[in-house]
Amino acid sequence: MATVKPFKGLRPPKTIAKDLACLPYDVMNSTEAAQMAKGKENSLLHITRAEIDCPEGTDIHSEEVYKKAVENFNAFQQKGWLTQEAQAKFYIYAQTMNHKTQYGIVGCALCEDYENGIIKKHELTRPDKEEDRMVLTRYLNANIEPVFFSYKAVPEIDAIVSEIVDNHSPEYDFIAEDGFGHHLWPVNDAEKNKEIELLFNEKVPFTYVADGHHRTAAAARIGAEKKAQNPNHTGNEAYNYFMAVHFPDDQLNIIDYNRVVKDLNGLSVDEFITRVGEHFEIDKKGNTVYKPQVLHEMSMYIKGNWYALKAKSDTYNDHDPIGCLDVTVLSNSILEPILDIADLRKSKRIDFVGGIRGLEALQQRVDSGEMAVAFALYPVSMQQLIDIADSGNIMPPKTTWFEPKLRSGLVIHKLE
């Protein structure tokens, strides 16, 4: 069963929470981070993307950047922009998008649960990205950003969350610059904290990494590293745990993650469409954006026209957790055999666009001449994600997109 514990969070006063909180480090480049932090001396980006406070052109993986992050982290605490709780507790973190609110529990997950398969993953990680987050964690001795977990909903946990939310005002309550709402309630009742911890341990056999595979892997490796370095290790040390926001699966929606390709692999448009027709029933929709309506339907934009592509029955296997995914159908039926794109992780001819940007973003990239063809996919479901993780399989790259992104800085977990 899953171990999820309360902890003594390090967090900002409510008066600066909105300015301090920021998007995750990996959804922006250095230039974008500098622009987001402009005029905000207390933005957490001065820690998570500390290169913005270093000379232009500084290697973002250099010791200078990591040392600047430590300097800024210490300064934030000295100035009272981050202060630590006296008592361990859980936090309820809610996000609102398009008039829908999802409620998660911020708590500490056990590093060994990741190694033992209690925390399940659905994506592969890259060692270089893991190492970057490990180095920053070593320097800061803290989980500076949360990871995004899910679990199969438990009515008793839902009831506790509802009781707290219905009877208390959130300590943090703001709308970020992207229009999404963020709300946080510390769970100050000691008995409620014990009850939440016990319910996870009794009712939640597994948790699932929704977003943040690299941070999760890095946190687990740091825990193992610190354990090996401590001859007096007991298992109770803070480094045995890392911070995650746990959302019940029935509150989450996965947004589509789409593809654009630079060329047609030497084919003319007509030749390409003919080849596509070998695996799909094609319905021309004209120049109006067309969004896929059901599983096994995708849309394609090429040379000024949108097309609905209905996958033929021999292109997918609904009894196979990987074979039923439309990203698999697209790869097996178009990307690899027709466009000669076999390795999505390495190919420079393909790019990926989160559905949050809208399908117009796909059309613009094709119309500009940058790309030759775009594919919009029907989004993966939470049940598909869970089925894949439970079966020990790995999703193809760039399959899931979760929104809103968790704001970093509302709560931080120190490893000491």
Protein backbone atom coordinates (compact mmCIF):
# COMPACT_ATOMS: atom_id res chain seq x y z
CA MET A 1 0.00 0.00 0.00
CA ALA A 2 1.08 3.60 -0.59
CA THR A 3 2.90 5.58 2.08
CA VAL A 4 1.97 9.28 2.05
CA LYS A 5 2.93 11.39 5.05
CA PRO A 6 2.42 14.95 6.30
CA PHE A 7 5.50 17.18 6.51
CA LYS A 8 6.67 20.55 7.79
CA GLY A 9 6.20 22.61 4.67
CA LEU A 10 8.35 25.59 3.80
CA ARG A 11 6.05 28.17 2.24
CA PRO A 12 5.43 31.86 1.58
CA PRO A 13 3.23 34.34 3.48
CA LYS A 14 -0.19 34.64 1.83
CA THR A 15 0.58 38.24 0.80
CA ILE A 16 3.28 37.17 -1.67
CA ALA A 17 2.13 33.66 -2.62
CA LYS A 18 0.87 34.73 -6.05
CA ASP A 19 4.12 36.49 -6.99
CA LEU A 20 6.37 33.77 -5.57
CA ALA A 21 4.56 30.83 -7.16
CA CYS A 22 5.67 29.96 -10.69
CA LEU A 23 5.27 27.39 -13.44
CA PRO A 24 7.49 24.27 -13.36
CA TYR A 25 11.09 24.73 -14.48
CA ASP A 26 10.71 22.51 -17.56
CA VAL A 27 7.88 24.31 -19.38
CA MET A 28 10.01 27.32 -20.30
CA ASN A 29 13.45 28.29 -21.55
CA SER A 30 15.81 30.76 -19.88
CA THR A 31 14.54 33.75 -21.85
CA GLU A 32 10.93 32.97 -21.00
CA ALA A 33 11.84 32.44 -17.34
CA ALA A 34 13.55 35.84 -17.19
CA GLN A 35 10.50 37.50 -18.70
CA MET A 36 8.14 35.74 -16.26
CA ALA A 37 10.26 36.83 -13.29
CA LYS A 38 10.69 40.41 -14.48
CA GLY A 39 9.66 42.81 -11.73
CA LYS A 40 9.17 39.93 -9.26
CA GLU A 41 12.19 39.75 -6.97
CA ASN A 42 10.46 37.05 -4.91
CA SER A 43 9.52 34.75 -7.83
CA LEU A 44 10.67 31.18 -7.21
CA LEU A 45 12.14 31.26 -10.72
CA HIS A 46 15.16 32.94 -9.11
CA ILE A 47 15.76 29.51 -7.54
CA THR A 48 14.39 27.00 -10.06
CA ARG A 49 15.87 28.88 -13.05
CA ALA A 50 18.72 30.70 -11.30
CA GLU A 51 20.52 31.27 -14.59
CA ILE A 52 18.29 34.33 -14.98
CA ASP A 53 20.43 35.98 -12.28
CA CYS A 54 23.74 34.99 -13.91
CA PRO A 55 25.55 36.64 -16.83
CA GLU A 56 23.85 36.08 -20.17
CA GLY A 57 25.02 32.89 -21.85
CA THR A 58 25.92 31.09 -18.61
CA ASP A 59 25.58 27.32 -18.98
CA ILE A 60 22.36 26.44 -17.16
CA HIS A 61 24.00 23.27 -15.79
CA SER A 62 27.10 25.06 -14.48
CA GLU A 63 28.15 25.20 -10.84
CA GLU A 64 27.66 28.97 -10.97
CA VAL A 65 23.93 28.51 -11.60
CA TYR A 66 23.48 25.93 -8.84
CA LYS A 67 25.36 28.13 -6.35
CA LYS A 68 23.20 31.09 -7.32
CA ALA A 69 20.12 28.95 -6.66
CA VAL A 70 21.43 28.18 -3.14
CA GLU A 71 22.22 31.84 -2.54
CA ASN A 72 18.72 32.87 -3.58
CA PHE A 73 17.09 30.04 -1.63
CA ASN A 74 18.87 31.12 1.55
CA ALA A 75 17.98 34.76 0.91
CA PHE A 76 14.30 33.92 0.48
CA GLN A 77 14.30 32.27 3.90
CA GLN A 78 16.26 35.07 5.56
CA LYS A 79 13.84 37.66 4.19
CA GLY A 80 10.83 35.71 5.43
CA TRP A 81 9.59 34.95 1.91
CA LEU A 82 9.72 31.26 2.83
CA THR A 83 9.11 30.05 6.39
CA GLN A 84 8.82 26.54 7.75
CA GLU A 85 5.82 25.11 9.57
CA ALA A 86 6.28 24.11 13.20
CA GLN A 87 4.13 20.99 12.76
CA ALA A 88 3.93 18.36 10.03
CA LYS A 89 0.71 18.54 8.05
CA PHE A 90 -0.94 17.82 4.73
CA TYR A 91 -2.14 20.56 2.40
CA ILE A 92 -5.10 20.58 0.05
CA TYR A 93 -4.15 22.15 -3.26
CA ALA A 94 -6.93 22.92 -5.73
CA GLN A 95 -6.71 24.17 -9.31
CA THR A 96 -9.50 25.73 -11.35
CA MET A 97 -9.62 25.70 -15.15
CA ASN A 98 -12.67 26.33 -17.34
CA HIS A 99 -14.93 26.51 -14.26
CA LYS A 100 -13.82 23.02 -13.11
CA THR A 101 -11.83 22.54 -9.90
CA GLN A 102 -9.69 19.52 -9.01
CA TYR A 103 -8.54 18.90 -5.43
CA GLY A 104 -5.22 17.26 -4.58
CA ILE A 105 -3.44 16.43 -1.34
CA VAL A 106 0.13 17.65 -0.93
CA GLY A 107 2.06 15.06 1.04
CA CYS A 108 5.36 13.24 1.08
CA ALA A 109 5.68 10.03 -0.90
CA LEU A 110 8.14 7.33 0.15
CA CYS A 111 11.21 7.02 -2.09
CA GLU A 112 11.25 3.23 -1.65
CA ASP A 113 7.69 3.08 -3.02
CA TYR A 114 9.10 4.21 -6.36
CA GLU A 115 11.78 1.54 -6.32
CA ASN A 116 9.28 -1.14 -5.26
CA GLY A 117 6.63 -0.32 -7.87
CA ILE A 118 4.05 1.12 -5.47
CA ILE A 119 4.52 4.43 -7.29
CA LYS A 120 3.88 3.50 -10.92
CA LYS A 121 5.18 5.25 -14.01
CA HIS A 122 4.07 5.30 -17.62
CA GLU A 123 7.00 7.12 -19.28
CA LEU A 124 10.72 6.55 -19.72
CA THR A 125 13.12 9.14 -18.33
CA ARG A 126 16.31 10.63 -19.71
CA PRO A 127 19.41 10.32 -17.48
CA ASP A 128 20.58 13.87 -18.30
CA LYS A 129 17.30 15.43 -17.14
CA GLU A 130 17.28 13.28 -14.01
CA GLU A 131 20.84 14.33 -13.21
CA ASP A 132 20.04 18.04 -13.54
CA ARG A 133 17.25 17.82 -10.95
CA MET A 134 19.42 15.63 -8.71
CA VAL A 135 22.21 18.20 -8.70
CA LEU A 136 19.83 21.03 -7.83
CA THR A 137 18.28 18.92 -5.05
CA ARG A 138 21.72 18.15 -3.63
CA TYR A 139 22.63 21.83 -3.57
CA LEU A 140 19.33 23.00 -2.06
CA ASN A 141 18.75 19.94 0.13
CA ALA A 142 15.07 20.31 -0.68
CA ASN A 143 12.35 19.20 -3.08
CA ILE A 144 11.78 22.65 -4.49
CA GLU A 145 8.96 21.64 -6.85
CA PRO A 146 6.16 19.09 -6.39
CA VAL A 147 5.37 16.22 -8.71
CA PHE A 148 1.89 15.42 -9.98
CA PHE A 149 0.49 12.06 -8.82
CA SER A 150 -2.88 10.40 -9.12
CA TYR A 151 -4.59 7.55 -7.29
CA LYS A 152 -7.84 5.67 -7.65
CA ALA A 153 -10.40 7.79 -5.83
CA VAL A 154 -11.25 6.89 -2.24
CA PRO A 155 -14.63 8.20 -0.99
CA GLU A 156 -13.37 8.58 2.60
CA ILE A 157 -10.50 10.81 1.45
CA ASP A 158 -12.87 12.81 -0.77
CA ALA A 159 -15.12 13.36 2.25
CA ILE A 160 -12.29 14.78 4.37
CA VAL A 161 -11.23 17.11 1.58
CA SER A 162 -14.80 18.31 1.07
CA GLU A 163 -15.25 18.92 4.80
CA ILE A 164 -12.13 21.08 4.99
CA VAL A 165 -12.86 22.99 1.79
CA ASP A 166 -16.50 23.61 2.69
CA ASN A 167 -15.76 24.86 6.21
CA HIS A 168 -12.55 26.84 5.82
CA SER A 169 -11.36 29.62 3.55
CA PRO A 170 -8.20 28.84 1.56
CA GLU A 171 -5.02 30.46 2.83
CA TYR A 172 -3.83 31.01 -0.74
CA ASP A 173 -6.44 31.94 -3.34
CA PHE A 174 -5.37 33.61 -6.58
CA ILE A 175 -5.69 33.55 -10.34
CA ALA A 176 -2.37 33.23 -12.14
CA GLU A 177 -1.43 35.16 -15.27
CA ASP A 178 -2.66 32.26 -17.46
CA GLY A 179 -6.16 32.58 -16.01
CA PHE A 180 -6.06 29.41 -13.90
CA GLY A 181 -7.08 29.53 -10.25
CA HIS A 182 -4.91 28.15 -7.43
CA HIS A 183 -6.13 27.55 -3.89
CA LEU A 184 -4.41 26.01 -0.86
CA TRP A 185 -5.68 24.92 2.57
CA PRO A 186 -3.22 23.75 5.26
CA VAL A 187 -4.73 20.82 7.17
CA ASN A 188 -4.27 22.15 10.70
CA ASP A 189 -6.29 19.49 12.52
CA ALA A 190 -3.86 16.84 13.85
CA GLU A 191 -6.55 14.14 13.82
CA LYS A 192 -7.44 14.86 10.19
CA ASN A 193 -3.77 14.54 9.26
CA LYS A 194 -3.58 11.14 10.95
CA GLU A 195 -6.78 10.05 9.25
CA ILE A 196 -5.55 11.04 5.78
CA GLU A 197 -2.24 9.23 6.32
CA LEU A 198 -4.03 6.08 7.50
CA LEU A 199 -6.50 6.12 4.61
CA PHE A 200 -3.69 6.25 2.04
CA ASN A 201 -1.95 3.37 3.78
CA GLU A 202 -5.13 1.28 3.97
CA LYS A 203 -7.09 2.23 0.84
CA VAL A 204 -4.53 3.23 -1.82
CA PRO A 205 -2.52 0.27 -3.11
CA PHE A 206 -0.72 2.30 -5.81
CA THR A 207 -0.11 5.86 -6.83
CA TYR A 208 0.62 6.93 -10.40
CA VAL A 209 3.03 9.53 -11.78
CA ALA A 210 0.87 11.77 -13.93
CA ASP A 211 3.39 14.54 -14.63
CA GLY A 212 6.97 14.87 -13.39
CA HIS A 213 8.65 11.55 -14.15
CA HIS A 214 12.14 13.08 -14.10
CA ARG A 215 11.62 14.84 -10.78
CA THR A 216 10.20 11.63 -9.30
CA ALA A 217 13.13 9.51 -10.48
CA ALA A 218 15.62 12.14 -9.31
CA ALA A 219 13.98 12.36 -5.87
CA ALA A 220 14.06 8.58 -5.43
CA ARG A 221 17.74 8.45 -6.44
CA ILE A 222 18.60 11.25 -4.02
CA GLY A 223 16.86 9.36 -1.22
CA ALA A 224 18.86 6.23 -1.98
CA GLU A 225 22.06 8.26 -2.23
CA LYS A 226 21.56 9.93 1.15
CA LYS A 227 20.63 6.61 2.73
CA ALA A 228 23.90 5.07 1.52
CA GLN A 229 25.88 8.02 2.87
CA ASN A 230 24.34 7.88 6.36
CA PRO A 231 25.77 5.12 8.62
CA ASN A 232 23.08 5.94 11.19
CA HIS A 233 20.18 5.70 8.76
CA THR A 234 16.87 4.89 10.49
CA GLY A 235 14.31 5.29 7.69
CA ASN A 236 12.62 8.21 9.39
CA GLU A 237 14.81 10.92 7.87
CA ALA A 238 13.16 13.56 5.67
CA TYR A 239 15.32 12.49 2.71
CA ASN A 240 13.41 9.19 2.56
CA TYR A 241 10.43 11.13 1.22
CA PHE A 242 9.67 13.59 -1.55
CA MET A 243 6.82 16.00 -2.15
CA ALA A 244 3.92 15.15 -4.46
CA VAL A 245 0.38 16.42 -5.03
CA HIS A 246 -2.00 13.45 -5.07
CA PHE A 247 -5.20 13.88 -7.13
CA PRO A 248 -8.02 11.32 -7.30
CA ASP A 249 -8.24 9.88 -10.81
CA ASP A 250 -11.91 10.78 -11.32
CA GLN A 251 -11.15 14.51 -11.10
CA LEU A 252 -8.45 14.58 -13.78
CA ASN A 253 -8.66 15.03 -17.53
CA ILE A 254 -5.78 14.48 -19.92
CA ILE A 255 -5.47 16.97 -22.77
CA ASP A 256 -4.53 15.90 -26.28
CA TYR A 257 -0.86 15.94 -27.28
CA ASN A 258 -0.51 16.50 -31.01
CA ARG A 259 2.14 16.13 -33.72
CA VAL A 260 3.52 18.21 -36.59
CA VAL A 261 5.91 16.86 -39.23
CA LYS A 262 8.33 18.89 -41.36
CA ASP A 263 8.12 16.96 -44.65
CA LEU A 264 6.27 14.19 -46.46
CA ASN A 265 9.32 11.96 -46.95
CA GLY A 266 9.53 12.74 -50.67
CA LEU A 267 5.85 12.16 -51.44
CA SER A 268 3.49 14.63 -53.06
CA VAL A 269 0.42 15.66 -51.07
CA ASP A 270 -1.83 13.45 -53.23
CA GLU A 271 0.52 10.47 -52.93
CA PHE A 272 0.69 10.94 -49.17
CA ILE A 273 -3.10 11.12 -48.75
CA THR A 274 -3.48 7.99 -50.89
CA ARG A 275 -1.06 6.12 -48.62
CA VAL A 276 -2.90 7.34 -45.52
CA GLY A 277 -6.12 5.99 -47.03
CA GLU A 278 -4.71 2.47 -46.83
CA HIS A 279 -5.20 2.55 -43.04
CA PHE A 280 -7.90 5.20 -42.49
CA GLU A 281 -11.28 6.20 -43.80
CA ILE A 282 -10.73 9.81 -44.89
CA ASP A 283 -13.35 12.56 -44.74
CA LYS A 284 -12.32 15.97 -46.06
CA LYS A 285 -13.55 18.77 -43.76
CA GLY A 286 -12.26 21.85 -45.58
CA ASN A 287 -10.41 24.78 -43.99
CA THR A 288 -12.35 24.84 -40.69
CA VAL A 289 -10.46 23.38 -37.74
CA TYR A 290 -11.69 19.85 -37.03
CA LYS A 291 -11.20 18.25 -33.60
CA PRO A 292 -11.35 14.45 -33.20
CA GLN A 293 -14.61 13.40 -31.56
CA VAL A 294 -14.02 9.79 -30.46
CA LEU A 295 -11.28 7.26 -29.80
CA HIS A 296 -9.62 5.96 -32.99
CA GLU A 297 -10.47 9.12 -34.88
CA MET A 298 -7.78 11.71 -35.50
CA SER A 299 -7.65 14.79 -37.66
CA MET A 300 -5.02 15.82 -40.17
CA TYR A 301 -4.22 19.24 -41.59
CA ILE A 302 -2.33 19.50 -44.86
CA LYS A 303 -2.19 22.03 -47.69
CA GLY A 304 -5.02 24.22 -46.35
CA ASN A 305 -7.48 21.43 -45.55
CA TRP A 306 -8.54 19.46 -42.47
CA TYR A 307 -9.40 15.78 -42.75
CA ALA A 308 -11.06 13.38 -40.32
CA LEU A 309 -9.18 10.09 -40.22
CA LYS A 310 -11.10 7.09 -38.88
CA ALA A 311 -8.72 4.24 -38.14
CA LYS A 312 -9.60 0.94 -39.80
CA SER A 313 -10.19 -1.92 -37.38
CA ASP A 314 -6.96 -3.73 -38.25
CA THR A 315 -4.83 -0.77 -37.11
CA TYR A 316 -5.58 -1.04 -33.37
CA ASN A 317 -6.09 -3.62 -30.64
CA ASP A 318 -8.46 -2.56 -27.87
CA HIS A 319 -7.35 -5.54 -25.76
CA ASP A 320 -3.76 -4.29 -25.65
CA PRO A 321 -3.08 -1.27 -23.36
CA ILE A 322 -0.49 0.07 -25.82
CA GLY A 323 -2.09 -1.15 -29.04
CA CYS A 324 -5.33 0.69 -28.27
CA LEU A 325 -3.66 4.10 -28.05
CA ASP A 326 -4.17 6.43 -30.99
CA VAL A 327 -0.56 7.59 -30.68
CA THR A 328 0.40 3.98 -31.39
CA VAL A 329 -1.99 3.81 -34.34
CA LEU A 330 -0.52 7.01 -35.78
CA SER A 331 3.05 5.78 -35.38
CA ASN A 332 2.39 2.29 -36.75
CA SER A 333 0.20 3.39 -39.66
CA ILE A 334 1.63 6.75 -40.78
CA LEU A 335 4.74 8.04 -39.02
CA GLU A 336 6.89 4.96 -39.39
CA PRO A 337 5.77 3.23 -42.63
CA ILE A 338 4.97 6.35 -44.67
CA LEU A 339 7.06 9.17 -43.18
CA ASP A 340 10.00 7.04 -42.01
CA ILE A 341 9.91 8.43 -38.46
CA ALA A 342 10.65 5.49 -36.18
CA ASP A 343 12.22 7.10 -33.11
CA LEU A 344 10.03 9.91 -31.80
CA ARG A 345 12.59 10.79 -29.14
CA LYS A 346 15.42 11.45 -31.58
CA SER A 347 13.87 12.48 -34.90
CA LYS A 348 14.36 16.14 -35.81
CA ARG A 349 11.54 15.98 -38.36
CA ILE A 350 8.71 15.82 -35.83
CA ASP A 351 7.56 18.16 -33.08
CA PHE A 352 4.88 17.91 -30.39
CA VAL A 353 2.25 20.47 -29.47
CA GLY A 354 0.18 20.37 -26.27
CA GLY A 355 -3.55 20.61 -26.83
CA ILE A 356 -3.72 23.59 -24.48
CA ARG A 357 -2.43 25.68 -27.40
CA GLY A 358 -5.45 24.79 -29.52
CA LEU A 359 -5.58 23.17 -32.96
CA GLU A 360 -5.15 26.59 -34.58
CA ALA A 361 -1.50 26.36 -33.46
CA LEU A 362 -1.10 23.27 -35.63
CA GLN A 363 -2.68 24.98 -38.62
CA GLN A 364 -0.44 28.03 -38.24
CA ARG A 365 2.72 25.95 -38.25
CA VAL A 366 1.69 24.20 -41.46
CA ASP A 367 0.44 27.38 -43.15
CA SER A 368 3.73 29.13 -42.33
CA GLY A 369 5.64 26.50 -44.29
CA GLU A 370 7.57 25.37 -41.20
CA MET A 371 5.69 22.06 -41.18
CA ALA A 372 4.12 19.97 -43.94
CA VAL A 373 1.40 18.13 -42.05
CA ALA A 374 -0.23 18.14 -38.60
CA PHE A 375 -2.10 15.45 -36.70
CA ALA A 376 -4.53 16.10 -33.85
CA LEU A 377 -5.31 13.18 -31.56
CA TYR A 378 -8.17 12.23 -29.30
CA PRO A 379 -6.85 12.51 -25.72
CA VAL A 380 -5.80 9.50 -23.68
CA SER A 381 -8.05 8.70 -20.71
CA MET A 382 -6.95 8.33 -17.08
CA GLN A 383 -8.11 4.72 -17.23
CA GLN A 384 -5.80 4.06 -20.19
CA LEU A 385 -2.90 5.62 -18.27
CA ILE A 386 -3.63 3.47 -15.22
CA ASP A 387 -4.01 0.31 -17.32
CA ILE A 388 -0.63 0.92 -18.94
CA ALA A 389 1.10 1.63 -15.63
CA ASP A 390 -0.54 -1.40 -13.98
CA SER A 391 0.58 -3.67 -16.82
CA GLY A 392 4.18 -2.45 -16.53
CA ASN A 393 4.12 -0.96 -20.01
CA ILE A 394 5.49 2.40 -21.10
CA MET A 395 3.53 4.91 -23.16
CA PRO A 396 5.00 6.23 -26.41
CA PRO A 397 6.73 9.60 -25.99
CA LYS A 398 4.58 12.74 -25.68
CA THR A 399 1.27 11.00 -25.10
CA THR A 400 -0.21 12.84 -22.12
CA TRP A 401 -0.56 16.54 -21.35
CA PHE A 402 -1.94 17.63 -17.98
CA GLU A 403 -3.26 21.11 -17.37
CA PRO A 404 -3.23 23.22 -15.27
CA LYS A 405 0.41 22.77 -14.34
CA LEU A 406 1.19 22.69 -10.65
CA ARG A 407 2.53 25.99 -9.35
CA SER A 408 5.93 25.64 -7.73
CA GLY A 409 6.65 27.44 -4.46
CA LEU A 410 3.33 27.12 -2.64
CA VAL A 411 4.92 24.40 -0.49
CA ILE A 412 8.53 23.14 -0.40
CA HIS A 413 9.88 20.03 1.32
CA LYS A 414 13.29 20.29 3.01
CA LEU A 415 15.36 17.12 3.21
CA GLU A 416 16.99 17.90 6.55
